[in-house]
C-alpha atoms as a PDB file:
ATOM      1  CA  MET A   1     -74.189   0.361   2.505  1.00  0.00           C
ATOM      2  CA  LYS A   2     -74.648  -3.519   2.562  1.00  0.00           C
ATOM      3  CA  VAL A   3     -72.785  -6.280   0.709  1.00  0.00           C
ATOM      4  CA  LYS A   4     -73.114  -9.932   0.110  1.00  0.00           C
ATOM      5  CA  TYR A   5     -69.878 -12.100   0.661  1.00  0.00           C
ATOM      6  CA  ILE A   6     -69.729 -14.893  -1.770  1.00  0.00           C
ATOM      7  CA  GLY A   7     -66.771 -17.321  -1.327  1.00  0.00           C
ATOM      8  CA  PRO A   8     -65.483 -19.615   1.328  1.00  0.00           C
ATOM      9  CA  ASP A   9     -66.083 -19.019   4.950  1.00  0.00           C
ATOM     10  CA  ILE A  10     -63.410 -16.970   6.819  1.00  0.00           C
ATOM     11  CA  GLY A  11     -62.798 -18.112  10.166  1.00  0.00           C
ATOM     12  CA  ILE A  12     -65.341 -19.007  12.614  1.00  0.00           C
ATOM     13  CA  ASP A  13     -66.459 -15.325  13.022  1.00  0.00           C
ATOM     14  CA  GLY A  14     -65.363 -13.486  10.082  1.00  0.00           C
ATOM     15  CA  LEU A  15     -67.376 -13.434   6.631  1.00  0.00           C
ATOM     16  CA  PHE A  16     -69.837 -16.419   5.477  1.00  0.00           C
ATOM     17  CA  ASN A  17     -70.810 -17.196   2.371  1.00  0.00           C
ATOM     18  CA  ASP A  18     -73.816 -15.616   0.803  1.00  0.00           C
ATOM     19  CA  ASN A  19     -74.269 -13.480   4.062  1.00  0.00           C
ATOM     20  CA  ILE A  20     -75.351  -9.907   3.901  1.00  0.00           C
ATOM     21  CA  TYR A  21     -72.916  -7.502   5.902  1.00  0.00           C
ATOM     22  CA  GLU A  22     -73.040  -3.758   6.686  1.00  0.00           C
ATOM     23  CA  VAL A  23     -70.578  -1.304   5.379  1.00  0.00           C
ATOM     24  CA  LEU A  24     -69.731   1.573   7.874  1.00  0.00           C
ATOM     25  CA  GLY A  25     -67.608   3.206   5.156  1.00  0.00           C
ATOM     26  CA  ILE A  26     -64.532   3.032   3.168  1.00  0.00           C
ATOM     27  CA  ASP A  27     -61.261   3.891   4.795  1.00  0.00           C
ATOM     28  CA  GLU A  28     -59.650   6.867   3.117  1.00  0.00           C
ATOM     29  CA  LEU A  29     -55.904   5.537   3.369  1.00  0.00           C
ATOM     30  CA  THR A  30     -56.285   2.087   2.030  1.00  0.00           C
ATOM     31  CA  GLY A  31     -59.920   2.070   0.290  1.00  0.00           C
ATOM     32  CA  MET A  32     -60.681  -1.036   2.421  1.00  0.00           C
ATOM     33  CA  LEU A  33     -64.347  -1.626   3.384  1.00  0.00           C
ATOM     34  CA  ARG A  34     -65.028  -1.477   7.137  1.00  0.00           C
ATOM     35  CA  ILE A  35     -67.567  -4.153   7.711  1.00  0.00           C
ATOM     36  CA  ILE A  36     -69.197  -5.636  10.866  1.00  0.00           C
ATOM     37  CA  ASP A  37     -68.522  -9.532  10.219  1.00  0.00           C
ATOM     38  CA  GLU A  38     -69.885 -12.338  12.445  1.00  0.00           C
ATOM     39  CA  SER A  39     -67.869 -11.324  15.443  1.00  0.00           C
ATOM     40  CA  GLY A  40     -70.118  -8.160  15.732  1.00  0.00           C
ATOM     41  CA  GLU A  41     -67.017  -5.926  15.418  1.00  0.00           C
ATOM     42  CA  ASP A  42     -66.012  -4.120  12.627  1.00  0.00           C
ATOM     43  CA  TYR A  43     -62.835  -4.968  10.581  1.00  0.00           C
ATOM     44  CA  LEU A  44     -61.291  -3.763   7.586  1.00  0.00           C
ATOM     45  CA  TYR A  45     -61.719  -6.229   4.072  1.00  0.00           C
ATOM     46  CA  SER A  46     -60.309  -5.669   0.730  1.00  0.00           C
ATOM     47  CA  PRO A  47     -63.002  -4.595  -1.565  1.00  0.00           C
ATOM     48  CA  LYS A  48     -61.702  -6.741  -4.475  1.00  0.00           C
ATOM     49  CA  GLU A  49     -60.484  -9.703  -2.914  1.00  0.00           C
ATOM     50  CA  PRO A  50     -61.733  -9.901   0.845  1.00  0.00           C
ATOM     51  CA  LYS A  51     -59.813 -12.637   3.013  1.00  0.00           C
ATOM     52  CA  SER A  52     -58.198 -13.317   6.228  1.00  0.00           C
ATOM     53  CA  ILE A  53     -54.625 -12.188   6.851  1.00  0.00           C
ATOM     54  CA  ALA A  54     -54.165 -15.802   7.647  1.00  0.00           C
ATOM     55  CA  SER A  55     -52.765 -17.436   4.477  1.00  0.00           C
ATOM     56  CA  GLU A  56     -55.093 -20.845   4.695  1.00  0.00           C
ATOM     57  CA  TYR A  57     -58.188 -18.787   3.587  1.00  0.00           C
ATOM     58  CA  LYS A  58     -58.762 -18.087  -0.183  1.00  0.00           C
ATOM     59  CA  GLY A  59     -60.444 -14.832  -1.042  1.00  0.00           C
ATOM     60  CA  GLY A  60     -63.957 -14.292  -2.124  1.00  0.00           C
ATOM     61  CA  LYS A  61     -65.722 -11.638  -3.365  1.00  0.00           C
ATOM     62  CA  PHE A  62     -68.705  -8.788  -2.766  1.00  0.00           C
ATOM     63  CA  GLU A  63     -71.617  -8.276  -4.451  1.00  0.00           C
ATOM     64  CA  ILE A  64     -73.368  -4.910  -3.879  1.00  0.00           C
ATOM     65  CA  VAL A  65     -76.743  -4.841  -2.045  1.00  0.00           C
ATOM     66  CA  GLU A  66     -77.304  -1.546  -1.088  1.00  0.00           C
ATOM     67  CA  ASP A  67     -75.148   1.593  -2.451  1.00  0.00           C
ATOM     68  CA  LYS A  68     -77.083   4.751  -2.815  1.00  0.00           C
ATOM     69  CA  SER A  69     -74.190   6.958  -2.875  1.00  0.00           C
ATOM     70  CA  GLU A  70     -72.091   4.457  -5.265  1.00  0.00           C
ATOM     71  CA  GLN A  71     -69.285   4.488  -3.281  1.00  0.00           C
ATOM     72  CA  LEU A  72     -69.065   0.938  -3.066  1.00  0.00           C
ATOM     73  CA  LYS A  73     -69.207   0.562  -6.813  1.00  0.00           C
ATOM     74  CA  GLN A  74     -66.095   2.860  -7.095  1.00  0.00           C
ATOM     75  CA  ALA A  75     -64.488   0.841  -4.152  1.00  0.00           C
ATOM     76  CA  ILE A  76     -65.174  -2.468  -5.655  1.00  0.00           C
ATOM     77  CA  PHE A  77     -64.925  -1.925  -9.514  1.00  0.00           C
ATOM     78  CA  ASN A  78     -62.366   0.585 -10.045  1.00  0.00           C
END
């Protein structure tokens, strides 16, 4: 599964505008997307308004790039 992040860059090693990221899965408890970001590590991001925990970063959105099982479609649009 892959998504494209659209929005302001999040920190120096978070999500960057127009970059494509691999989604490792969807967290069963929170519904958040587990994404490998620019740090090379995997972190949980909101499927509807991805942003940093720090308040100075505004949220963006994801566009689906690859979703054969349609899990991302359900997580982002439901």
